[in-house]
Amino acid sequence: MPAALLAALARGTSPQNEMLTMVQLVGERFAQLTKAIDAYHTHPYRRDLDDPPVVWHAPGVRLLDFGLPQFPDAPPLLIVPSLINRHYVLDLRQGQSFVRWLAAAGLRPMLIAWDDLQASNETATVDGCITTRLEPALAMVQSLTGQRPILLGYCLGGLLTVALASRRPDDILGHILMATPWDFHGGDDGLCKSAANMLPLMEPLLQTLGTLPIDAVQMLFYALDPFQVIGKFLNFSEIDQTSAQAKAFVALEDWLNDGIAMPAPIARTLLADWYGANTPARGTWRVDGQPIRPEALAHPALLLVPTHDRIVPPASAMALGEKLPNATILTVETGHIGMVSSRRAPELVWQPLLDWVQNTIYTAAR
């Protein structure tokens, strides 16, 4: 409770005066929030990182090669981000880029960039994204490097890499899964219920537009904790607007507001099949008719499970680790987005990931 209101209550003032105090405080907070949002919109920071070379592309997708020239033979990582947000949360800004950190550490990150998923009927479905985009991208990585890559899936991208590994198990060395949901009914079911209930409300929009606009997707996630959204802007208003902290806030907020419209078939898979029917955990998810069975995948796998994840509850991600027969599960003290963007991510997440690659994958390959 705000200090001014506590002081008013302690003085034993009348209910009318207490109400006036509350109204005044709400007005002040609203003014502060409005000022903070204005400061965000007018902030001079603009992302100035250029994408690396595109080594393969097809309608709706590009494959970006972050490999550094001094490491031409570095082991490749095929990295698949979520279908909902754009790829560059993994390459947010100078000094805050997961993929460039991996490249500097001696790996060769090759990042899938989902663009306009409506650009082709082949990218309008989850099956199409896997069979007509990720499978050719995997083949291209092998062709360019002469090596089998390690798959790395982030968030819903992890589900796609599980399907890719199931369909091409002999073409990969290992598998890294970061904040990847599997049991969509596991853990905190607030998002699960909201998502499952969202489809009937959104179906007229899907039929009219053929897509689920990114604003509708954001509304679903914001509903998890609307006060957190308000709080982060209020905190932003109190920091030095020229600081690195302010620039980091703007960079992440710009990314959050730069999502990808979701084709209706993908939206129905996400909301009805995954969140509603929980097909991955129930063993009924199929891609192009093939059941996706993580328990059949024998290659080494690393699961990184954030303990403060509101988007993918730890229990949802842990369920995948229990299915994979050769999995190492590492819980990390971060949030869902913080594991790839926060100040402590290199220490808490990236370095342990690199250690696992060196100690598990490289040792086994020698």
Protein backbone atom coordinates (compact mmCIF):
# COMPACT_ATOMS: atom_id res chain seq x y z
CA MET A 1 0.00 0.00 0.00
CA PRO A 2 1.42 3.48 -0.86
CA ALA A 3 3.03 5.34 2.05
CA ALA A 4 0.74 8.37 1.68
CA LEU A 5 -2.37 6.21 2.06
CA LEU A 6 -0.89 4.35 5.02
CA ALA A 7 -0.14 7.66 6.69
CA ALA A 8 -3.69 8.84 6.07
CA LEU A 9 -5.14 5.67 7.56
CA ALA A 10 -2.81 5.90 10.58
CA ARG A 11 -4.06 9.42 11.26
CA GLY A 12 -7.60 8.09 11.45
CA THR A 13 -8.96 10.49 8.86
CA SER A 14 -12.50 10.30 7.58
CA PRO A 15 -13.51 7.85 4.79
CA GLN A 16 -14.08 10.84 2.49
CA ASN A 17 -10.53 12.08 2.99
CA GLU A 18 -9.13 8.58 2.55
CA MET A 19 -11.02 8.27 -0.75
CA LEU A 20 -9.65 11.63 -1.90
CA THR A 21 -6.15 10.47 -1.01
CA MET A 22 -6.64 7.29 -3.03
CA VAL A 23 -7.98 9.22 -6.03
CA GLN A 24 -5.02 11.60 -5.84
CA LEU A 25 -2.56 8.70 -5.70
CA VAL A 26 -4.20 6.95 -8.65
CA GLY A 27 -4.02 10.18 -10.63
CA GLU A 28 -0.35 10.60 -9.82
CA ARG A 29 0.39 7.00 -10.81
CA PHE A 30 -1.51 7.38 -14.07
CA ALA A 31 0.38 10.56 -14.90
CA GLN A 32 3.67 8.80 -14.13
CA LEU A 33 2.65 5.84 -16.33
CA THR A 34 1.68 8.15 -19.20
CA LYS A 35 5.00 9.97 -18.89
CA ALA A 36 6.88 6.66 -18.91
CA ILE A 37 5.11 5.42 -22.04
CA ASP A 38 5.83 8.72 -23.76
CA ALA A 39 9.48 8.44 -22.74
CA TYR A 40 9.61 4.97 -24.27
CA HIS A 41 8.05 6.10 -27.56
CA THR A 42 10.38 9.09 -27.88
CA HIS A 43 13.55 7.39 -26.67
CA PRO A 44 16.40 7.86 -29.20
CA TYR A 45 17.63 4.26 -29.01
CA ARG A 46 17.23 2.29 -32.24
CA ARG A 47 18.54 -1.20 -32.88
CA ASP A 48 21.67 -0.86 -34.99
CA LEU A 49 22.76 -4.47 -35.43
CA ASP A 50 22.77 -5.75 -38.99
CA ASP A 51 21.77 -9.32 -39.70
CA PRO A 52 24.65 -11.57 -40.79
CA PRO A 53 24.72 -13.25 -44.22
CA VAL A 54 21.64 -15.15 -45.35
CA VAL A 55 22.90 -18.56 -46.46
CA TRP A 56 19.51 -20.03 -47.38
CA HIS A 57 15.99 -18.71 -47.69
CA ALA A 58 12.51 -19.69 -48.74
CA PRO A 59 9.21 -17.78 -48.57
CA GLY A 60 8.65 -16.86 -44.93
CA VAL A 61 12.06 -17.86 -43.56
CA ARG A 62 15.78 -17.05 -43.71
CA LEU A 63 18.80 -18.90 -42.34
CA LEU A 64 21.33 -16.48 -40.83
CA ASP A 65 24.96 -17.53 -40.38
CA PHE A 66 26.59 -15.93 -37.33
CA GLY A 67 29.81 -17.89 -37.74
CA LEU A 68 32.92 -15.73 -37.42
CA PRO A 69 35.58 -15.93 -40.17
CA GLN A 70 38.27 -16.93 -37.67
CA PHE A 71 36.27 -20.07 -36.81
CA PRO A 72 35.27 -21.43 -40.26
CA ASP A 73 35.23 -25.03 -39.00
CA ALA A 74 33.36 -24.28 -35.76
CA PRO A 75 30.68 -26.82 -34.80
CA PRO A 76 27.31 -25.65 -36.12
CA LEU A 77 24.22 -24.91 -34.05
CA LEU A 78 20.88 -24.79 -35.86
CA ILE A 79 18.83 -22.44 -33.68
CA VAL A 80 15.05 -22.27 -33.97
CA PRO A 81 13.16 -19.49 -32.14
CA SER A 82 9.45 -19.29 -31.44
CA LEU A 83 6.94 -18.79 -34.24
CA ILE A 84 5.30 -15.93 -32.33
CA ASN A 85 8.08 -13.36 -31.93
CA ARG A 86 10.93 -12.43 -34.20
CA HIS A 87 14.34 -14.04 -34.05
CA TYR A 88 16.34 -11.06 -32.85
CA VAL A 89 15.61 -11.49 -29.15
CA LEU A 90 18.57 -13.85 -29.56
CA ASP A 91 20.56 -11.01 -31.15
CA LEU A 92 19.08 -8.07 -29.28
CA ARG A 93 21.84 -5.45 -29.31
CA GLN A 94 25.58 -4.98 -29.09
CA GLY A 95 26.83 -6.62 -25.91
CA GLN A 96 23.47 -8.31 -25.36
CA SER A 97 23.39 -10.97 -28.08
CA PHE A 98 23.13 -14.65 -27.26
CA VAL A 99 24.10 -15.82 -30.77
CA ARG A 100 27.11 -13.49 -31.07
CA TRP A 101 28.29 -14.64 -27.66
CA LEU A 102 28.12 -18.26 -28.86
CA ALA A 103 30.03 -17.35 -32.01
CA ALA A 104 32.75 -15.59 -30.01
CA ALA A 105 33.00 -18.72 -27.83
CA GLY A 106 33.92 -20.80 -30.87
CA LEU A 107 30.60 -22.18 -32.11
CA ARG A 108 28.84 -21.46 -35.40
CA PRO A 109 25.26 -20.33 -34.67
CA MET A 110 22.95 -20.55 -37.67
CA LEU A 111 19.66 -18.90 -36.76
CA ILE A 112 16.25 -19.42 -38.30
CA ALA A 113 14.48 -16.08 -38.86
CA TRP A 114 10.73 -16.47 -39.27
CA ASP A 115 9.43 -13.59 -41.35
CA ASP A 116 5.99 -13.38 -42.97
CA LEU A 117 4.47 -16.79 -42.30
CA GLN A 118 1.59 -15.86 -44.62
CA ALA A 119 4.01 -15.59 -47.53
CA SER A 120 3.40 -19.21 -48.48
CA ASN A 121 0.85 -21.93 -47.82
CA GLU A 122 3.81 -24.06 -46.73
CA THR A 123 4.47 -21.82 -43.71
CA ALA A 124 0.80 -21.45 -42.77
CA THR A 125 0.83 -24.71 -40.81
CA VAL A 126 3.07 -26.15 -38.12
CA ASP A 127 3.61 -29.27 -40.25
CA GLY A 128 4.69 -27.12 -43.20
CA CYS A 129 7.13 -25.09 -41.10
CA ILE A 130 8.80 -28.34 -40.06
CA THR A 131 8.74 -30.38 -43.27
CA THR A 132 9.23 -27.66 -45.90
CA ARG A 133 11.38 -25.19 -43.97
CA LEU A 134 13.28 -26.72 -41.07
CA GLU A 135 14.15 -29.98 -42.82
CA PRO A 136 15.69 -28.18 -45.85
CA ALA A 137 17.43 -25.74 -43.49
CA LEU A 138 18.95 -28.70 -41.61
CA ALA A 139 20.16 -30.16 -44.90
CA MET A 140 21.66 -26.79 -45.86
CA VAL A 141 23.57 -26.54 -42.55
CA GLN A 142 25.04 -29.98 -43.17
CA SER A 143 25.95 -29.08 -46.73
CA LEU A 144 27.62 -25.79 -45.78
CA THR A 145 29.58 -27.09 -42.79
CA GLY A 146 30.13 -30.75 -43.60
CA GLN A 147 28.99 -31.52 -40.06
CA ARG A 148 25.87 -32.63 -38.25
CA PRO A 149 24.63 -29.73 -36.14
CA ILE A 150 23.39 -29.45 -32.61
CA LEU A 151 19.75 -28.37 -32.58
CA LEU A 152 18.78 -25.54 -30.24
CA GLY A 153 15.12 -24.67 -29.75
CA TYR A 154 13.87 -21.72 -27.74
CA CYS A 155 10.30 -21.64 -26.37
CA LEU A 156 7.87 -22.98 -29.02
CA GLY A 157 10.88 -23.35 -31.30
CA GLY A 158 11.88 -26.20 -29.02
CA LEU A 159 8.70 -28.07 -29.94
CA LEU A 160 9.61 -27.66 -33.60
CA THR A 161 13.13 -29.00 -32.99
CA VAL A 162 11.74 -32.02 -31.12
CA ALA A 163 9.66 -32.81 -34.20
CA LEU A 164 12.65 -32.16 -36.47
CA ALA A 165 14.86 -34.46 -34.39
CA SER A 166 12.15 -37.13 -34.43
CA ARG A 167 12.01 -37.00 -38.21
CA ARG A 168 15.78 -36.68 -38.79
CA PRO A 169 17.45 -38.36 -35.79
CA ASP A 170 20.55 -39.41 -37.72
CA ASP A 171 21.26 -35.86 -38.92
CA ILE A 172 21.97 -34.22 -35.55
CA LEU A 173 24.65 -34.51 -32.87
CA GLY A 174 22.65 -33.30 -29.88
CA HIS A 175 19.79 -31.15 -28.75
CA ILE A 176 19.41 -28.08 -26.53
CA LEU A 177 15.96 -27.03 -25.37
CA MET A 178 15.48 -23.67 -23.67
CA ALA A 179 12.19 -22.96 -21.86
CA THR A 180 10.38 -25.44 -24.09
CA PRO A 181 6.82 -26.41 -23.16
CA TRP A 182 5.70 -30.02 -23.43
CA ASP A 183 2.96 -30.65 -20.89
CA PHE A 184 0.76 -27.65 -21.59
CA HIS A 185 -1.44 -28.55 -18.63
CA GLY A 186 1.50 -28.83 -16.25
CA GLY A 187 2.21 -26.29 -13.53
CA ASP A 188 0.37 -22.97 -13.39
CA ASP A 189 -2.65 -23.46 -15.65
CA GLY A 190 -3.59 -19.76 -15.91
CA LEU A 191 -2.13 -19.37 -19.39
CA CYS A 192 -3.40 -22.81 -20.40
CA LYS A 193 -7.00 -21.98 -19.53
CA SER A 194 -6.80 -18.52 -21.06
CA ALA A 195 -5.35 -19.85 -24.31
CA ALA A 196 -7.78 -22.75 -24.60
CA ASN A 197 -10.73 -20.42 -23.96
CA MET A 198 -9.40 -17.86 -26.42
CA LEU A 199 -9.96 -19.87 -29.60
CA PRO A 200 -13.79 -19.70 -29.72
CA LEU A 201 -13.56 -15.93 -29.19
CA MET A 202 -10.92 -15.56 -31.90
CA GLU A 203 -12.41 -17.93 -34.46
CA PRO A 204 -14.48 -15.23 -36.23
CA LEU A 205 -11.32 -13.12 -36.50
CA LEU A 206 -9.34 -16.08 -37.84
CA GLN A 207 -11.99 -16.77 -40.45
CA THR A 208 -12.18 -13.11 -41.50
CA LEU A 209 -8.49 -12.21 -41.52
CA GLY A 210 -6.94 -15.62 -41.92
CA THR A 211 -4.48 -14.73 -39.13
CA LEU A 212 -4.27 -14.10 -35.42
CA PRO A 213 -2.89 -10.54 -35.07
CA ILE A 214 0.05 -10.11 -32.77
CA ASP A 215 -1.99 -7.72 -30.58
CA ALA A 216 -4.31 -10.62 -29.73
CA VAL A 217 -1.36 -12.82 -28.79
CA GLN A 218 0.12 -10.07 -26.61
CA MET A 219 -3.22 -9.61 -24.87
CA LEU A 220 -3.10 -13.27 -23.84
CA PHE A 221 0.35 -12.96 -22.26
CA TYR A 222 -0.33 -9.56 -20.67
CA ALA A 223 -3.42 -11.03 -19.01
CA LEU A 224 -1.12 -13.29 -16.97
CA ASP A 225 0.05 -10.31 -14.92
CA PRO A 226 -1.28 -6.93 -16.08
CA PHE A 227 0.25 -5.13 -13.10
CA GLN A 228 3.69 -6.37 -14.14
CA VAL A 229 3.28 -4.48 -17.41
CA ILE A 230 2.37 -1.30 -15.53
CA GLY A 231 5.17 -1.82 -13.04
CA LYS A 232 7.90 -2.18 -15.64
CA PHE A 233 6.99 1.17 -17.22
CA LEU A 234 6.80 2.88 -13.86
CA ASN A 235 10.28 1.54 -13.08
CA PHE A 236 11.49 2.73 -16.49
CA SER A 237 10.32 6.26 -15.71
CA GLU A 238 12.57 6.38 -12.64
CA ILE A 239 15.88 5.43 -14.26
CA ASP A 240 18.39 7.57 -16.12
CA GLN A 241 17.10 7.69 -19.70
CA THR A 242 20.64 7.87 -21.07
CA SER A 243 21.80 4.75 -19.21
CA ALA A 244 22.52 1.31 -20.61
CA GLN A 245 19.62 0.06 -18.49
CA ALA A 246 17.20 2.37 -20.31
CA LYS A 247 18.53 1.29 -23.70
CA ALA A 248 18.15 -2.36 -22.73
CA PHE A 249 14.53 -1.71 -21.71
CA VAL A 250 13.72 -0.01 -25.02
CA ALA A 251 15.46 -2.72 -27.03
CA LEU A 252 13.44 -5.47 -25.38
CA GLU A 253 10.17 -3.54 -25.53
CA ASP A 254 10.69 -2.84 -29.24
CA TRP A 255 11.16 -6.56 -29.81
CA LEU A 256 8.02 -7.42 -27.82
CA ASN A 257 6.02 -5.04 -30.00
CA ASP A 258 7.44 -6.44 -33.25
CA GLY A 259 5.71 -9.80 -33.37
CA ILE A 260 4.58 -11.95 -36.29
CA ALA A 261 0.94 -12.38 -37.26
CA MET A 262 0.07 -16.04 -36.86
CA PRO A 263 -1.68 -17.84 -39.74
CA ALA A 264 -5.02 -19.28 -38.68
CA PRO A 265 -3.96 -22.96 -38.97
CA ILE A 266 -0.94 -22.36 -36.72
CA ALA A 267 -3.10 -20.45 -34.24
CA ARG A 268 -5.56 -23.36 -34.11
CA THR A 269 -2.72 -25.83 -33.51
CA LEU A 270 -1.35 -23.67 -30.71
CA LEU A 271 -4.63 -22.89 -28.98
CA ALA A 272 -6.73 -25.99 -29.65
CA ASP A 273 -4.22 -28.82 -30.02
CA TRP A 274 -1.36 -27.81 -27.74
CA TYR A 275 -2.99 -25.67 -25.05
CA GLY A 276 -6.45 -27.22 -25.34
CA ALA A 277 -5.94 -30.93 -26.02
CA ASN A 278 -2.33 -31.08 -24.77
CA THR A 279 -1.38 -33.32 -27.70
CA PRO A 280 2.41 -33.30 -27.10
CA ALA A 281 2.20 -34.63 -23.53
CA ARG A 282 -0.60 -37.05 -24.41
CA GLY A 283 1.47 -38.57 -27.21
CA THR A 284 -1.06 -37.70 -29.92
CA TRP A 285 0.87 -34.95 -31.73
CA ARG A 286 1.73 -35.94 -35.30
CA VAL A 287 3.67 -34.14 -38.01
CA ASP A 288 2.78 -35.17 -41.55
CA GLY A 289 1.29 -38.32 -40.07
CA GLN A 290 4.35 -39.25 -37.99
CA PRO A 291 3.92 -39.44 -34.19
CA ILE A 292 6.36 -37.24 -32.28
CA ARG A 293 7.92 -39.41 -29.60
CA PRO A 294 10.76 -37.75 -27.64
CA GLU A 295 11.26 -40.99 -25.71
CA ALA A 296 12.69 -42.49 -28.92
CA LEU A 297 15.45 -39.85 -29.23
CA ALA A 298 18.76 -41.29 -28.02
CA HIS A 299 21.09 -38.35 -28.69
CA PRO A 300 22.32 -36.21 -25.75
CA ALA A 301 19.96 -33.41 -24.79
CA LEU A 302 20.21 -30.43 -22.47
CA LEU A 303 17.07 -28.85 -21.01
CA LEU A 304 17.41 -25.37 -19.55
CA VAL A 305 14.40 -24.65 -17.35
CA PRO A 306 13.95 -21.11 -15.95
CA THR A 307 12.62 -21.18 -12.41
CA HIS A 308 10.84 -17.81 -12.74
CA ASP A 309 9.10 -18.56 -16.03
CA ARG A 310 5.50 -17.31 -16.20
CA ILE A 311 5.07 -18.23 -19.88
CA VAL A 312 6.31 -21.84 -19.71
CA PRO A 313 5.85 -23.13 -16.15
CA PRO A 314 8.82 -25.26 -15.04
CA ALA A 315 6.57 -28.33 -14.71
CA SER A 316 5.63 -28.03 -18.38
CA ALA A 317 9.27 -28.00 -19.48
CA MET A 318 10.34 -30.68 -16.97
CA ALA A 319 7.83 -33.08 -18.52
CA LEU A 320 9.90 -33.11 -21.72
CA GLY A 321 13.06 -33.90 -19.78
CA GLU A 322 11.32 -36.89 -18.27
CA LYS A 323 10.56 -38.20 -21.76
CA LEU A 324 14.01 -37.78 -23.29
CA PRO A 325 16.15 -40.82 -22.36
CA ASN A 326 19.54 -39.06 -22.49
CA ALA A 327 18.69 -35.67 -21.02
CA THR A 328 20.49 -33.37 -18.63
CA ILE A 329 18.11 -30.98 -16.89
CA LEU A 330 19.47 -27.69 -15.59
CA THR A 331 17.26 -25.24 -13.72
CA VAL A 332 18.37 -21.63 -14.02
CA GLU A 333 17.41 -18.66 -11.85
CA THR A 334 15.95 -16.49 -14.61
CA GLY A 335 12.67 -15.75 -16.33
CA HIS A 336 11.53 -16.88 -19.76
CA ILE A 337 12.95 -13.95 -21.74
CA GLY A 338 15.67 -13.18 -19.21
CA MET A 339 17.49 -16.42 -20.05
CA VAL A 340 18.43 -14.95 -23.44
CA SER A 341 18.46 -11.22 -22.73
CA SER A 342 19.20 -10.39 -19.10
CA ARG A 343 22.44 -9.01 -17.69
CA ARG A 344 23.14 -12.26 -15.82
CA ALA A 345 22.18 -14.59 -18.68
CA PRO A 346 25.80 -15.19 -19.79
CA GLU A 347 26.73 -16.35 -16.30
CA LEU A 348 23.58 -18.29 -15.44
CA VAL A 349 22.58 -19.78 -18.80
CA TRP A 350 25.00 -19.27 -21.68
CA GLN A 351 28.18 -20.48 -20.00
CA PRO A 352 26.57 -23.65 -18.57
CA LEU A 353 25.17 -24.34 -22.05
CA LEU A 354 28.64 -23.98 -23.58
CA ASP A 355 30.15 -26.18 -20.88
CA TRP A 356 27.62 -28.91 -21.66
CA VAL A 357 28.40 -28.73 -25.38
CA GLN A 358 32.13 -29.00 -24.73
CA ASN A 359 31.91 -31.71 -22.10
CA THR A 360 29.15 -33.83 -23.62
CA ILE A 361 28.96 -33.35 -27.36
CA TYR A 362 32.63 -32.71 -28.17
CA THR A 363 33.89 -35.43 -25.84
CA ALA A 364 31.55 -37.98 -27.40
CA ALA A 365 32.50 -36.90 -30.93
CA ARG A 366 36.24 -37.35 -30.38
